[in-house]
PDB file of N, CA and C in Angstrom:
ATOM      1  N   MET A   1      28.235  22.399  14.959  1.00  0.00           N
ATOM      2  CA  MET A   1      26.830  22.473  14.603  1.00  0.00           C
ATOM      3  C   MET A   1      26.161  21.172  15.006  1.00  0.00           C
ATOM      4  N   ASN A   2      25.080  21.268  15.690  1.00  0.00           N
ATOM      5  CA  ASN A   2      24.305  20.098  16.055  1.00  0.00           C
ATOM      6  C   ASN A   2      23.138  19.939  15.103  1.00  0.00           C
ATOM      7  N   TYR A   3      23.051  18.794  14.520  1.00  0.00           N
ATOM      8  CA  TYR A   3      21.942  18.500  13.642  1.00  0.00           C
ATOM      9  C   TYR A   3      20.826  17.886  14.480  1.00  0.00           C
ATOM     10  N   PRO A   4      19.580  18.159  14.152  1.00  0.00           N
ATOM     11  CA  PRO A   4      18.464  17.616  14.948  1.00  0.00           C
ATOM     12  C   PRO A   4      18.512  16.098  15.071  1.00  0.00           C
ATOM     13  N   LEU A   5      18.853  15.405  14.003  1.00  0.00           N
ATOM     14  CA  LEU A   5      18.899  13.945  14.065  1.00  0.00           C
ATOM     15  C   LEU A   5      19.964  13.473  15.048  1.00  0.00           C
ATOM     16  N   GLN A   6      21.133  14.106  14.998  1.00  0.00           N
ATOM     17  CA  GLN A   6      22.197  13.725  15.931  1.00  0.00           C
ATOM     18  C   GLN A   6      21.767  13.979  17.374  1.00  0.00           C
ATOM     19  N   ALA A   7      21.071  15.080  17.619  1.00  0.00           N
ATOM     20  CA  ALA A   7      20.599  15.388  18.971  1.00  0.00           C
ATOM     21  C   ALA A   7      19.610  14.333  19.443  1.00  0.00           C
ATOM     22  N   LEU A   8      18.727  13.906  18.557  1.00  0.00           N
ATOM     23  CA  LEU A   8      17.753  12.876  18.926  1.00  0.00           C
ATOM     24  C   LEU A   8      18.433  11.541  19.198  1.00  0.00           C
ATOM     25  N   LEU A   9      19.430  11.196  18.377  1.00  0.00           N
ATOM     26  CA  LEU A   9      20.176   9.954  18.601  1.00  0.00           C
ATOM     27  C   LEU A   9      20.936  10.011  19.919  1.00  0.00           C
ATOM     28  N   LYS A  10      21.564  11.149  20.176  1.00  0.00           N
ATOM     29  CA  LYS A  10      22.362  11.313  21.390  1.00  0.00           C
ATOM     30  C   LYS A  10      21.502  11.250  22.645  1.00  0.00           C
ATOM     31  N   SER A  11      20.287  11.769  22.542  1.00  0.00           N
ATOM     32  CA  SER A  11      19.399  11.765  23.713  1.00  0.00           C
ATOM     33  C   SER A  11      18.742  10.406  23.934  1.00  0.00           C
ATOM     34  N   GLY A  12      18.846   9.545  22.948  1.00  0.00           N
ATOM     35  CA  GLY A  12      18.221   8.228  23.069  1.00  0.00           C
ATOM     36  C   GLY A  12      16.778   8.214  22.601  1.00  0.00           C
ATOM     37  N   ALA A  13      16.268   9.360  22.125  1.00  0.00           N
ATOM     38  CA  ALA A  13      14.890   9.405  21.639  1.00  0.00           C
ATOM     39  C   ALA A  13      14.715   8.516  20.416  1.00  0.00           C
ATOM     40  N   ILE A  14      15.768   8.387  19.640  1.00  0.00           N
ATOM     41  CA  ILE A  14      15.772   7.486  18.487  1.00  0.00           C
ATOM     42  C   ILE A  14      16.861   6.461  18.749  1.00  0.00           C
ATOM     43  N   PRO A  15      16.525   5.191  18.737  1.00  0.00           N
ATOM     44  CA  PRO A  15      17.560   4.188  18.992  1.00  0.00           C
ATOM     45  C   PRO A  15      18.621   4.196  17.894  1.00  0.00           C
ATOM     46  N   ALA A  16      19.824   3.810  18.286  1.00  0.00           N
ATOM     47  CA  ALA A  16      20.903   3.702  17.308  1.00  0.00           C
ATOM     48  C   ALA A  16      20.472   2.739  16.213  1.00  0.00           C
ATOM     49  N   VAL A  17      20.981   2.957  15.035  1.00  0.00           N
ATOM     50  CA  VAL A  17      20.587   2.135  13.893  1.00  0.00           C
ATOM     51  C   VAL A  17      21.034   0.696  14.109  1.00  0.00           C
ATOM     52  N   ALA A  18      20.107  -0.161  13.993  1.00  0.00           N
ATOM     53  CA  ALA A  18      20.420  -1.591  14.025  1.00  0.00           C
ATOM     54  C   ALA A  18      19.912  -2.141  12.697  1.00  0.00           C
ATOM     55  N   PHE A  19      20.795  -2.717  11.952  1.00  0.00           N
ATOM     56  CA  PHE A  19      20.422  -3.222  10.647  1.00  0.00           C
ATOM     57  C   PHE A  19      19.741  -4.578  10.788  1.00  0.00           C
ATOM     58  N   PRO A  20      18.705  -4.812  10.004  1.00  0.00           N
ATOM     59  CA  PRO A  20      18.000  -6.091  10.087  1.00  0.00           C
ATOM     60  C   PRO A  20      18.912  -7.233   9.621  1.00  0.00           C
ATOM     61  N   PRO A  21      18.602  -8.452  10.032  1.00  0.00           N
ATOM     62  CA  PRO A  21      19.469  -9.594   9.695  1.00  0.00           C
ATOM     63  C   PRO A  21      19.667  -9.817   8.194  1.00  0.00           C
ATOM     64  N   ASN A  22      18.754  -9.336   7.357  1.00  0.00           N
ATOM     65  CA  ASN A  22      18.928  -9.542   5.922  1.00  0.00           C
ATOM     66  C   ASN A  22      19.697  -8.402   5.259  1.00  0.00           C
ATOM     67  N   SER A  23      20.208  -7.482   6.052  1.00  0.00           N
ATOM     68  CA  SER A  23      20.992  -6.375   5.520  1.00  0.00           C
ATOM     69  C   SER A  23      22.455  -6.767   5.389  1.00  0.00           C
ATOM     70  N   ARG A  24      23.095  -6.271   4.351  1.00  0.00           N
ATOM     71  CA  ARG A  24      24.519  -6.532   4.178  1.00  0.00           C
ATOM     72  C   ARG A  24      25.348  -5.881   5.290  1.00  0.00           C
ATOM     73  N   TYR A  25      24.734  -4.965   6.013  1.00  0.00           N
ATOM     74  CA  TYR A  25      25.452  -4.275   7.087  1.00  0.00           C
ATOM     75  C   TYR A  25      25.162  -4.850   8.465  1.00  0.00           C
ATOM     76  N   TYR A  26      24.343  -5.914   8.518  1.00  0.00           N
ATOM     77  CA  TYR A  26      24.035  -6.547   9.788  1.00  0.00           C
ATOM     78  C   TYR A  26      25.330  -6.989  10.467  1.00  0.00           C
ATOM     79  N   ALA A  27      25.452  -6.688  11.725  1.00  0.00           N
ATOM     80  CA  ALA A  27      26.609  -7.055  12.546  1.00  0.00           C
ATOM     81  C   ALA A  27      27.885  -6.320  12.137  1.00  0.00           C
ATOM     82  N   SER A  28      27.764  -5.313  11.274  1.00  0.00           N
ATOM     83  CA  SER A  28      28.939  -4.526  10.924  1.00  0.00           C
ATOM     84  C   SER A  28      29.310  -3.623  12.100  1.00  0.00           C
ATOM     85  N   ALA A  29      30.585  -3.407  12.255  1.00  0.00           N
ATOM     86  CA  ALA A  29      31.075  -2.559  13.338  1.00  0.00           C
ATOM     87  C   ALA A  29      30.858  -1.087  12.999  1.00  0.00           C
ATOM     88  N   THR A  30      30.786  -0.277  14.020  1.00  0.00           N
ATOM     89  CA  THR A  30      30.757   1.167  13.824  1.00  0.00           C
ATOM     90  C   THR A  30      32.024   1.748  14.438  1.00  0.00           C
ATOM     91  N   LEU A  31      32.441   2.851  13.892  1.00  0.00           N
ATOM     92  CA  LEU A  31      33.613   3.570  14.382  1.00  0.00           C
ATOM     93  C   LEU A  31      33.172   4.989  14.707  1.00  0.00           C
ATOM     94  N   SER A  32      33.976   5.686  15.468  1.00  0.00           N
ATOM     95  CA  SER A  32      33.654   7.066  15.825  1.00  0.00           C
ATOM     96  C   SER A  32      34.808   7.980  15.480  1.00  0.00           C
ATOM     97  N   PHE A  33      34.459   9.177  15.143  1.00  0.00           N
ATOM     98  CA  PHE A  33      35.441  10.217  14.857  1.00  0.00           C
ATOM     99  C   PHE A  33      35.039  11.444  15.666  1.00  0.00           C
ATOM    100  N   THR A  34      35.990  11.999  16.377  1.00  0.00           N
ATOM    101  CA  THR A  34      35.719  13.208  17.140  1.00  0.00           C
ATOM    102  C   THR A  34      36.383  14.378  16.424  1.00  0.00           C
ATOM    103  N   ALA A  35      35.583  15.318  16.025  1.00  0.00           N
ATOM    104  CA  ALA A  35      36.073  16.488  15.304  1.00  0.00           C
ATOM    105  C   ALA A  35      36.799  17.428  16.269  1.00  0.00           C
ATOM    106  N   PRO A  36      37.613  18.318  15.744  1.00  0.00           N
ATOM    107  CA  PRO A  36      38.329  19.271  16.609  1.00  0.00           C
ATOM    108  C   PRO A  36      37.399  20.060  17.533  1.00  0.00           C
ATOM    109  N   ASP A  37      36.158  20.254  17.129  1.00  0.00           N
ATOM    110  CA  ASP A  37      35.231  20.996  18.001  1.00  0.00           C
ATOM    111  C   ASP A  37      34.585  20.107  19.056  1.00  0.00           C
ATOM    112  N   GLY A  38      34.991  18.840  19.121  1.00  0.00           N
ATOM    113  CA  GLY A  38      34.478  17.921  20.126  1.00  0.00           C
ATOM    114  C   GLY A  38      33.261  17.127  19.695  1.00  0.00           C
ATOM    115  N   GLN A  39      32.715  17.451  18.578  1.00  0.00           N
ATOM    116  CA  GLN A  39      31.540  16.728  18.094  1.00  0.00           C
ATOM    117  C   GLN A  39      31.949  15.344  17.614  1.00  0.00           C
ATOM    118  N   THR A  40      31.187  14.366  18.013  1.00  0.00           N
ATOM    119  CA  THR A  40      31.492  12.977  17.666  1.00  0.00           C
ATOM    120  C   THR A  40      30.577  12.503  16.543  1.00  0.00           C
ATOM    121  N   PHE A  41      31.188  11.856  15.586  1.00  0.00           N
ATOM    122  CA  PHE A  41      30.460  11.273  14.465  1.00  0.00           C
ATOM    123  C   PHE A  41      30.669   9.768  14.493  1.00  0.00           C
ATOM    124  N   THR A  42      29.586   9.059  14.404  1.00  0.00           N
ATOM    125  CA  THR A  42      29.661   7.599  14.336  1.00  0.00           C
ATOM    126  C   THR A  42      29.363   7.188  12.907  1.00  0.00           C
ATOM    127  N   TYR A  43      30.180   6.284  12.407  1.00  0.00           N
ATOM    128  CA  TYR A  43      29.989   5.833  11.037  1.00  0.00           C
ATOM    129  C   TYR A  43      30.228   4.338  10.941  1.00  0.00           C
ATOM    130  N   LEU A  44      29.733   3.795   9.875  1.00  0.00           N
ATOM    131  CA  LEU A  44      29.839   2.364   9.632  1.00  0.00           C
ATOM    132  C   LEU A  44      31.243   2.016   9.154  1.00  0.00           C
ATOM    133  N   ALA A  45      31.820   1.004   9.758  1.00  0.00           N
ATOM    134  CA  ALA A  45      33.149   0.556   9.336  1.00  0.00           C
ATOM    135  C   ALA A  45      33.067  -0.013   7.927  1.00  0.00           C
ATOM    136  N   ARG A  46      34.166   0.080   7.239  1.00  0.00           N
ATOM    137  CA  ARG A  46      34.224  -0.432   5.872  1.00  0.00           C
ATOM    138  C   ARG A  46      33.896  -1.922   5.850  1.00  0.00           C
ATOM    139  N   ARG A  47      33.071  -2.277   4.915  1.00  0.00           N
ATOM    140  CA  ARG A  47      32.678  -3.680   4.773  1.00  0.00           C
ATOM    141  C   ARG A  47      33.595  -4.339   3.754  1.00  0.00           C
ATOM    142  N   VAL A  48      34.251  -5.390   4.154  1.00  0.00           N
ATOM    143  CA  VAL A  48      35.140  -6.118   3.260  1.00  0.00           C
ATOM    144  C   VAL A  48      34.391  -7.335   2.759  1.00  0.00           C
ATOM    145  N   VAL A  49      34.247  -7.416   1.463  1.00  0.00           N
ATOM    146  CA  VAL A  49      33.509  -8.527   0.856  1.00  0.00           C
ATOM    147  C   VAL A  49      34.457  -9.699   0.684  1.00  0.00           C
ATOM    148  N   PRO A  50      34.070 -10.862   1.220  1.00  0.00           N
ATOM    149  CA  PRO A  50      34.916 -12.047   1.048  1.00  0.00           C
ATOM    150  C   PRO A  50      35.058 -12.415  -0.429  1.00  0.00           C
ATOM    151  N   ARG A  51      36.158 -13.029  -0.747  1.00  0.00           N
ATOM    152  CA  ARG A  51      36.406 -13.485  -2.117  1.00  0.00           C
ATOM    153  C   ARG A  51      35.363 -14.542  -2.493  1.00  0.00           C
ATOM    154  N   PRO A  52      34.789 -14.443  -3.694  1.00  0.00           N
ATOM    155  CA  PRO A  52      33.794 -15.445  -4.117  1.00  0.00           C
ATOM    156  C   PRO A  52      34.370 -16.865  -4.106  1.00  0.00           C
ATOM    157  N   GLY A  53      33.492 -17.812  -3.897  1.00  0.00           N
ATOM    158  CA  GLY A  53      33.884 -19.224  -3.933  1.00  0.00           C
ATOM    159  C   GLY A  53      34.215 -19.775  -2.565  1.00  0.00           C
ATOM    160  N   ALA A  54      34.572 -21.052  -2.570  1.00  0.00           N
ATOM    161  CA  ALA A  54      34.942 -21.740  -1.334  1.00  0.00           C
ATOM    162  C   ALA A  54      36.286 -21.185  -0.835  1.00  0.00           C
ATOM    163  N   PRO A  55      36.522 -21.120   0.418  1.00  0.00           N
ATOM    164  CA  PRO A  55      35.676 -21.555   1.531  1.00  0.00           C
ATOM    165  C   PRO A  55      34.761 -20.458   2.063  1.00  0.00           C
ATOM    166  N   ASN A  56      34.705 -19.325   1.382  1.00  0.00           N
ATOM    167  CA  ASN A  56      33.920 -18.212   1.916  1.00  0.00           C
ATOM    168  C   ASN A  56      32.416 -18.381   1.734  1.00  0.00           C
ATOM    169  N   TYR A  57      32.013 -19.081   0.697  1.00  0.00           N
ATOM    170  CA  TYR A  57      30.589 -19.270   0.424  1.00  0.00           C
ATOM    171  C   TYR A  57      30.331 -20.737   0.090  1.00  0.00           C
ATOM    172  N   SER A  58      29.177 -21.196   0.523  1.00  0.00           N
ATOM    173  CA  SER A  58      28.754 -22.553   0.183  1.00  0.00           C
ATOM    174  C   SER A  58      27.729 -22.468  -0.935  1.00  0.00           C
ATOM    175  N   THR A  59      28.072 -22.996  -2.086  1.00  0.00           N
ATOM    176  CA  THR A  59      27.150 -22.974  -3.215  1.00  0.00           C
ATOM    177  C   THR A  59      26.078 -24.028  -3.010  1.00  0.00           C
ATOM    178  N   VAL A  60      24.827 -23.597  -3.059  1.00  0.00           N
ATOM    179  CA  VAL A  60      23.720 -24.524  -2.861  1.00  0.00           C
ATOM    180  C   VAL A  60      23.001 -24.818  -4.174  1.00  0.00           C
ATOM    181  N   ALA A  61      23.239 -23.979  -5.184  1.00  0.00           N
ATOM    182  CA  ALA A  61      22.622 -24.187  -6.495  1.00  0.00           C
ATOM    183  C   ALA A  61      23.330 -23.282  -7.493  1.00  0.00           C
ATOM    184  N   THR A  62      23.069 -23.526  -8.748  1.00  0.00           N
ATOM    185  CA  THR A  62      23.512 -22.610  -9.792  1.00  0.00           C
ATOM    186  C   THR A  62      22.274 -22.218 -10.595  1.00  0.00           C
ATOM    187  N   HIS A  63      22.338 -21.052 -11.196  1.00  0.00           N
ATOM    188  CA  HIS A  63      21.223 -20.556 -11.993  1.00  0.00           C
ATOM    189  C   HIS A  63      21.765 -20.068 -13.321  1.00  0.00           C
ATOM    190  N   THR A  64      21.157 -20.516 -14.394  1.00  0.00           N
ATOM    191  CA  THR A  64      21.511 -20.021 -15.720  1.00  0.00           C
ATOM    192  C   THR A  64      20.626 -18.814 -16.019  1.00  0.00           C
ATOM    193  N   VAL A  65      21.263 -17.694 -16.275  1.00  0.00           N
ATOM    194  CA  VAL A  65      20.551 -16.432 -16.480  1.00  0.00           C
ATOM    195  C   VAL A  65      19.687 -16.501 -17.734  1.00  0.00           C
ATOM    196  N   LYS A  66      18.441 -16.029 -17.571  1.00  0.00           N
ATOM    197  CA  LYS A  66      17.499 -15.928 -18.696  1.00  0.00           C
ATOM    198  C   LYS A  66      17.162 -14.457 -18.895  1.00  0.00           C
ATOM    199  N   GLN A  67      16.727 -14.141 -20.113  1.00  0.00           N
ATOM    200  CA  GLN A  67      16.324 -12.767 -20.408  1.00  0.00           C
ATOM    201  C   GLN A  67      15.286 -12.307 -19.383  1.00  0.00           C
ATOM    202  N   GLY A  68      15.483 -11.155 -18.796  1.00  0.00           N
ATOM    203  CA  GLY A  68      14.519 -10.593 -17.844  1.00  0.00           C
ATOM    204  C   GLY A  68      14.758 -10.976 -16.400  1.00  0.00           C
ATOM    205  N   ASP A  69      15.759 -11.795 -16.122  1.00  0.00           N
ATOM    206  CA  ASP A  69      16.060 -12.143 -14.729  1.00  0.00           C
ATOM    207  C   ASP A  69      16.442 -10.896 -13.951  1.00  0.00           C
ATOM    208  N   ARG A  70      16.051 -10.893 -12.687  1.00  0.00           N
ATOM    209  CA  ARG A  70      16.428  -9.809 -11.776  1.00  0.00           C
ATOM    210  C   ARG A  70      16.981 -10.449 -10.514  1.00  0.00           C
ATOM    211  N   LEU A  71      18.004  -9.828  -9.939  1.00  0.00           N
ATOM    212  CA  LEU A  71      18.632 -10.404  -8.757  1.00  0.00           C
ATOM    213  C   LEU A  71      17.674 -10.485  -7.571  1.00  0.00           C
ATOM    214  N   ASP A  72      16.807  -9.491  -7.408  1.00  0.00           N
ATOM    215  CA  ASP A  72      15.888  -9.557  -6.273  1.00  0.00           C
ATOM    216  C   ASP A  72      14.915 -10.729  -6.426  1.00  0.00           C
ATOM    217  N   LEU A  73      14.492 -10.987  -7.654  1.00  0.00           N
ATOM    218  CA  LEU A  73      13.580 -12.117  -7.862  1.00  0.00           C
ATOM    219  C   LEU A  73      14.305 -13.447  -7.688  1.00  0.00           C
ATOM    220  N   LEU A  74      15.556 -13.492  -8.112  1.00  0.00           N
ATOM    221  CA  LEU A  74      16.341 -14.720  -7.906  1.00  0.00           C
ATOM    222  C   LEU A  74      16.598 -14.952  -6.419  1.00  0.00           C
ATOM    223  N   ALA A  75      16.866 -13.875  -5.692  1.00  0.00           N
ATOM    224  CA  ALA A  75      17.083 -14.011  -4.237  1.00  0.00           C
ATOM    225  C   ALA A  75      15.801 -14.503  -3.559  1.00  0.00           C
ATOM    226  N   ALA A  76      14.667 -13.997  -4.015  1.00  0.00           N
ATOM    227  CA  ALA A  76      13.393 -14.463  -3.444  1.00  0.00           C
ATOM    228  C   ALA A  76      13.178 -15.938  -3.751  1.00  0.00           C
ATOM    229  N   LYS A  77      13.479 -16.333  -4.977  1.00  0.00           N
ATOM    230  CA  LYS A  77      13.256 -17.725  -5.393  1.00  0.00           C
ATOM    231  C   LYS A  77      14.176 -18.697  -4.648  1.00  0.00           C
ATOM    232  N   TYR A  78      15.458 -18.374  -4.604  1.00  0.00           N
ATOM    233  CA  TYR A  78      16.420 -19.330  -4.049  1.00  0.00           C
ATOM    234  C   TYR A  78      16.705 -19.145  -2.567  1.00  0.00           C
ATOM    235  N   LEU A  79      16.614 -17.904  -2.079  1.00  0.00           N
ATOM    236  CA  LEU A  79      16.986 -17.635  -0.693  1.00  0.00           C
ATOM    237  C   LEU A  79      15.791 -17.267   0.181  1.00  0.00           C
ATOM    238  N   GLY A  80      14.634 -17.042  -0.480  1.00  0.00           N
ATOM    239  CA  GLY A  80      13.428 -16.754   0.287  1.00  0.00           C
ATOM    240  C   GLY A  80      13.263 -15.310   0.699  1.00  0.00           C
ATOM    241  N   ASP A  81      14.136 -14.420   0.222  1.00  0.00           N
ATOM    242  CA  ASP A  81      14.044 -13.016   0.614  1.00  0.00           C
ATOM    243  C   ASP A  81      14.670 -12.154  -0.487  1.00  0.00           C
ATOM    244  N   PRO A  82      13.876 -11.312  -1.139  1.00  0.00           N
ATOM    245  CA  PRO A  82      14.438 -10.485  -2.214  1.00  0.00           C
ATOM    246  C   PRO A  82      15.496  -9.499  -1.732  1.00  0.00           C
ATOM    247  N   LEU A  83      15.461  -9.168  -0.443  1.00  0.00           N
ATOM    248  CA  LEU A  83      16.443  -8.221   0.086  1.00  0.00           C
ATOM    249  C   LEU A  83      17.838  -8.829   0.214  1.00  0.00           C
ATOM    250  N   LEU A  84      17.943 -10.127  -0.019  1.00  0.00           N
ATOM    251  CA  LEU A  84      19.258 -10.792   0.032  1.00  0.00           C
ATOM    252  C   LEU A  84      19.955 -10.782  -1.327  1.00  0.00           C
ATOM    253  N   PHE A  85      19.493  -9.940  -2.254  1.00  0.00           N
ATOM    254  CA  PHE A  85      20.132  -9.864  -3.576  1.00  0.00           C
ATOM    255  C   PHE A  85      21.617  -9.553  -3.460  1.00  0.00           C
ATOM    256  N   TRP A  86      21.979  -8.799  -2.446  1.00  0.00           N
ATOM    257  CA  TRP A  86      23.382  -8.435  -2.255  1.00  0.00           C
ATOM    258  C   TRP A  86      24.246  -9.669  -2.020  1.00  0.00           C
ATOM    259  N   LEU A  87      23.657 -10.709  -1.452  1.00  0.00           N
ATOM    260  CA  LEU A  87      24.414 -11.935  -1.211  1.00  0.00           C
ATOM    261  C   LEU A  87      24.805 -12.577  -2.535  1.00  0.00           C
ATOM    262  N   LEU A  88      23.909 -12.513  -3.528  1.00  0.00           N
ATOM    263  CA  LEU A  88      24.234 -13.038  -4.855  1.00  0.00           C
ATOM    264  C   LEU A  88      25.345 -12.206  -5.490  1.00  0.00           C
ATOM    265  N   CYS A  89      25.296 -10.897  -5.258  1.00  0.00           N
ATOM    266  CA  CYS A  89      26.366 -10.024  -5.783  1.00  0.00           C
ATOM    267  C   CYS A  89      27.704 -10.406  -5.155  1.00  0.00           C
ATOM    268  N   ASP A  90      27.724 -10.529  -3.844  1.00  0.00           N
ATOM    269  CA  ASP A  90      28.966 -10.860  -3.151  1.00  0.00           C
ATOM    270  C   ASP A  90      29.514 -12.206  -3.609  1.00  0.00           C
ATOM    271  N   ALA A  91      28.638 -13.189  -3.698  1.00  0.00           N
ATOM    272  CA  ALA A  91      29.074 -14.545  -4.019  1.00  0.00           C
ATOM    273  C   ALA A  91      29.567 -14.686  -5.452  1.00  0.00           C
ATOM    274  N   ASN A  92      29.138 -13.762  -6.319  1.00  0.00           N
ATOM    275  CA  ASN A  92      29.527 -13.846  -7.719  1.00  0.00           C
ATOM    276  C   ASN A  92      30.463 -12.722  -8.139  1.00  0.00           C
ATOM    277  N   GLY A  93      30.982 -11.995  -7.161  1.00  0.00           N
ATOM    278  CA  GLY A  93      31.936 -10.931  -7.454  1.00  0.00           C
ATOM    279  C   GLY A  93      31.321  -9.783  -8.227  1.00  0.00           C
ATOM    280  N   GLY A  94      30.042  -9.548  -8.047  1.00  0.00           N
ATOM    281  CA  GLY A  94      29.349  -8.491  -8.778  1.00  0.00           C
ATOM    282  C   GLY A  94      29.574  -7.115  -8.186  1.00  0.00           C
ATOM    283  N   ILE A  95      30.138  -6.235  -8.968  1.00  0.00           N
ATOM    284  CA  ILE A  95      30.288  -4.849  -8.541  1.00  0.00           C
ATOM    285  C   ILE A  95      29.039  -4.073  -8.958  1.00  0.00           C
ATOM    286  N   ARG A  96      28.573  -4.327 -10.159  1.00  0.00           N
ATOM    287  CA  ARG A  96      27.324  -3.739 -10.657  1.00  0.00           C
ATOM    288  C   ARG A  96      26.295  -4.855 -10.700  1.00  0.00           C
ATOM    289  N   PRO A  97      25.310  -4.827  -9.812  1.00  0.00           N
ATOM    290  CA  PRO A  97      24.338  -5.931  -9.743  1.00  0.00           C
ATOM    291  C   PRO A  97      23.687  -6.269 -11.070  1.00  0.00           C
ATOM    292  N   ASP A  98      23.300  -5.280 -11.843  1.00  0.00           N
ATOM    293  CA  ASP A  98      22.618  -5.562 -13.108  1.00  0.00           C
ATOM    294  C   ASP A  98      23.500  -6.319 -14.088  1.00  0.00           C
ATOM    295  N   GLN A  99      24.800  -6.158 -13.962  1.00  0.00           N
ATOM    296  CA  GLN A  99      25.728  -6.819 -14.877  1.00  0.00           C
ATOM    297  C   GLN A  99      25.657  -8.343 -14.729  1.00  0.00           C
ATOM    298  N   LEU A 100      25.325  -8.812 -13.541  1.00  0.00           N
ATOM    299  CA  LEU A 100      25.274 -10.256 -13.303  1.00  0.00           C
ATOM    300  C   LEU A 100      24.151 -10.936 -14.078  1.00  0.00           C
ATOM    301  N   VAL A 101      23.090 -10.201 -14.401  1.00  0.00           N
ATOM    302  CA  VAL A 101      21.943 -10.822 -15.072  1.00  0.00           C
ATOM    303  C   VAL A 101      21.712 -10.265 -16.471  1.00  0.00           C
ATOM    304  N   GLU A 102      22.671  -9.533 -17.015  1.00  0.00           N
ATOM    305  CA  GLU A 102      22.448  -8.935 -18.330  1.00  0.00           C
ATOM    306  C   GLU A 102      22.813  -9.864 -19.491  1.00  0.00           C
ATOM    307  N   THR A 103      23.489 -10.965 -19.222  1.00  0.00           N
ATOM    308  CA  THR A 103      23.902 -11.863 -20.293  1.00  0.00           C
ATOM    309  C   THR A 103      23.193 -13.213 -20.148  1.00  0.00           C
ATOM    310  N   PRO A 104      22.157 -13.441 -20.974  1.00  0.00           N
ATOM    311  CA  PRO A 104      21.497 -14.754 -20.920  1.00  0.00           C
ATOM    312  C   PRO A 104      22.520 -15.872 -21.160  1.00  0.00           C
ATOM    313  N   GLY A 105      22.381 -16.929 -20.380  1.00  0.00           N
ATOM    314  CA  GLY A 105      23.291 -18.061 -20.483  1.00  0.00           C
ATOM    315  C   GLY A 105      24.412 -18.028 -19.457  1.00  0.00           C
ATOM    316  N   ALA A 106      24.640 -16.856 -18.854  1.00  0.00           N
ATOM    317  CA  ALA A 106      25.664 -16.784 -17.804  1.00  0.00           C
ATOM    318  C   ALA A 106      25.199 -17.599 -16.600  1.00  0.00           C
ATOM    319  N   THR A 107      26.143 -18.051 -15.801  1.00  0.00           N
ATOM    320  CA  THR A 107      25.812 -18.876 -14.648  1.00  0.00           C
ATOM    321  C   THR A 107      26.084 -18.098 -13.362  1.00  0.00           C
ATOM    322  N   LEU A 108      25.107 -18.145 -12.460  1.00  0.00           N
ATOM    323  CA  LEU A 108      25.259 -17.526 -11.147  1.00  0.00           C
ATOM    324  C   LEU A 108      25.335 -18.608 -10.082  1.00  0.00           C
ATOM    325  N   ASN A 109      26.220 -18.431  -9.145  1.00  0.00           N
ATOM    326  CA  ASN A 109      26.252 -19.315  -7.991  1.00  0.00           C
ATOM    327  C   ASN A 109      25.263 -18.798  -6.963  1.00  0.00           C
ATOM    328  N   ILE A 110      24.424 -19.680  -6.494  1.00  0.00           N
ATOM    329  CA  ILE A 110      23.488 -19.353  -5.422  1.00  0.00           C
ATOM    330  C   ILE A 110      24.123 -19.897  -4.159  1.00  0.00           C
ATOM    331  N   THR A 111      24.380 -19.010  -3.221  1.00  0.00           N
ATOM    332  CA  THR A 111      25.158 -19.414  -2.052  1.00  0.00           C
ATOM    333  C   THR A 111      24.453 -19.072  -0.760  1.00  0.00           C
ATOM    334  N   MET A 112      24.958 -19.653   0.287  1.00  0.00           N
ATOM    335  CA  MET A 112      24.532 -19.316   1.634  1.00  0.00           C
ATOM    336  C   MET A 112      25.479 -18.230   2.141  1.00  0.00           C
ATOM    337  N   PRO A 113      25.031 -17.489   3.154  1.00  0.00           N
ATOM    338  CA  PRO A 113      25.919 -16.476   3.726  1.00  0.00           C
ATOM    339  C   PRO A 113      27.184 -17.100   4.285  1.00  0.00           C
ATOM    340  N   GLN A 114      28.196 -16.290   4.388  1.00  0.00           N
ATOM    341  CA  GLN A 114      29.471 -16.739   4.921  1.00  0.00           C
ATOM    342  C   GLN A 114      29.254 -17.354   6.302  1.00  0.00           C
ATOM    343  N   GLY A 115      29.809 -18.526   6.500  1.00  0.00           N
ATOM    344  CA  GLY A 115      29.698 -19.196   7.788  1.00  0.00           C
ATOM    345  C   GLY A 115      28.505 -20.110   7.908  1.00  0.00           C
ATOM    346  N   VAL A 116      27.595 -20.083   6.939  1.00  0.00           N
ATOM    347  CA  VAL A 116      26.437 -20.971   6.970  1.00  0.00           C
ATOM    348  C   VAL A 116      26.687 -22.074   5.963  1.00  0.00           C
ATOM    349  N   PRO A 117      26.811 -23.313   6.408  1.00  0.00           N
ATOM    350  CA  PRO A 117      27.116 -24.389   5.475  1.00  0.00           C
ATOM    351  C   PRO A 117      25.949 -24.679   4.548  1.00  0.00           C
ATOM    352  N   GLY A 118      26.274 -25.069   3.334  1.00  0.00           N
ATOM    353  CA  GLY A 118      25.246 -25.442   2.369  1.00  0.00           C
ATOM    354  C   GLY A 118      24.856 -26.897   2.554  1.00  0.00           C
ATOM    355  N   ALA A 119      23.957 -27.329   1.696  1.00  0.00           N
ATOM    356  CA  ALA A 119      23.525 -28.712   1.750  1.00  0.00           C
ATOM    357  C   ALA A 119      24.683 -29.623   1.382  1.00  0.00           C
ATOM    358  N   ALA A 120      24.701 -30.817   1.936  1.00  0.00           N
ATOM    359  CA  ALA A 120      25.795 -31.756   1.713  1.00  0.00           C
ATOM    360  C   ALA A 120      25.912 -32.158   0.253  1.00  0.00           C
ATOM    361  N   ASN A 121      24.797 -32.179  -0.467  1.00  0.00           N
ATOM    362  CA  ASN A 121      24.835 -32.623  -1.864  1.00  0.00           C
ATOM    363  C   ASN A 121      24.884 -31.463  -2.846  1.00  0.00           C
ATOM    364  N   ALA A 122      25.140 -30.245  -2.377  1.00  0.00           N
ATOM    365  CA  ALA A 122      25.168 -29.072  -3.269  1.00  0.00           C
ATOM    366  C   ALA A 122      26.430 -29.035  -4.076  1.00  0.00           C
TER     367      ALA A 122
END
C-alpha cells in the first residue's frame, strides 16, 4: 500500500525531514527497512542518551527548583531557547520531564550539549 505522504516524499515533492538544530533528533541517523512486498520504510535510528555528568555534559550553572518552574522556561532562561528543554532532561537523567521540576529545592544541572565545552569557571 502506498500512502500519499510516502509517495510525495519519494517523488521529492516534499523534502526528507531535516530536524532543526535545537531538536533532540538533529543529526540523528536514519535506517531503512524493506518489507517483503518491496516497500521501503525509513525510520529514525534509536537515540542513545549519554549518561548525565562529566565528561558527557559541561555544567555551566545549577538551578534550585522553585514552585511553578517549568523546563521550557528554564531552557529559555539559561540556554536561550525553550525548545532545548530536552537537553535539561538528558543532562539530569529525566525520564519524565515534569518530575525534574516537581520538588522545590531540588537542584538541576544546566549544561551545554554534548561536545560543547562550558565556561572555564563553571
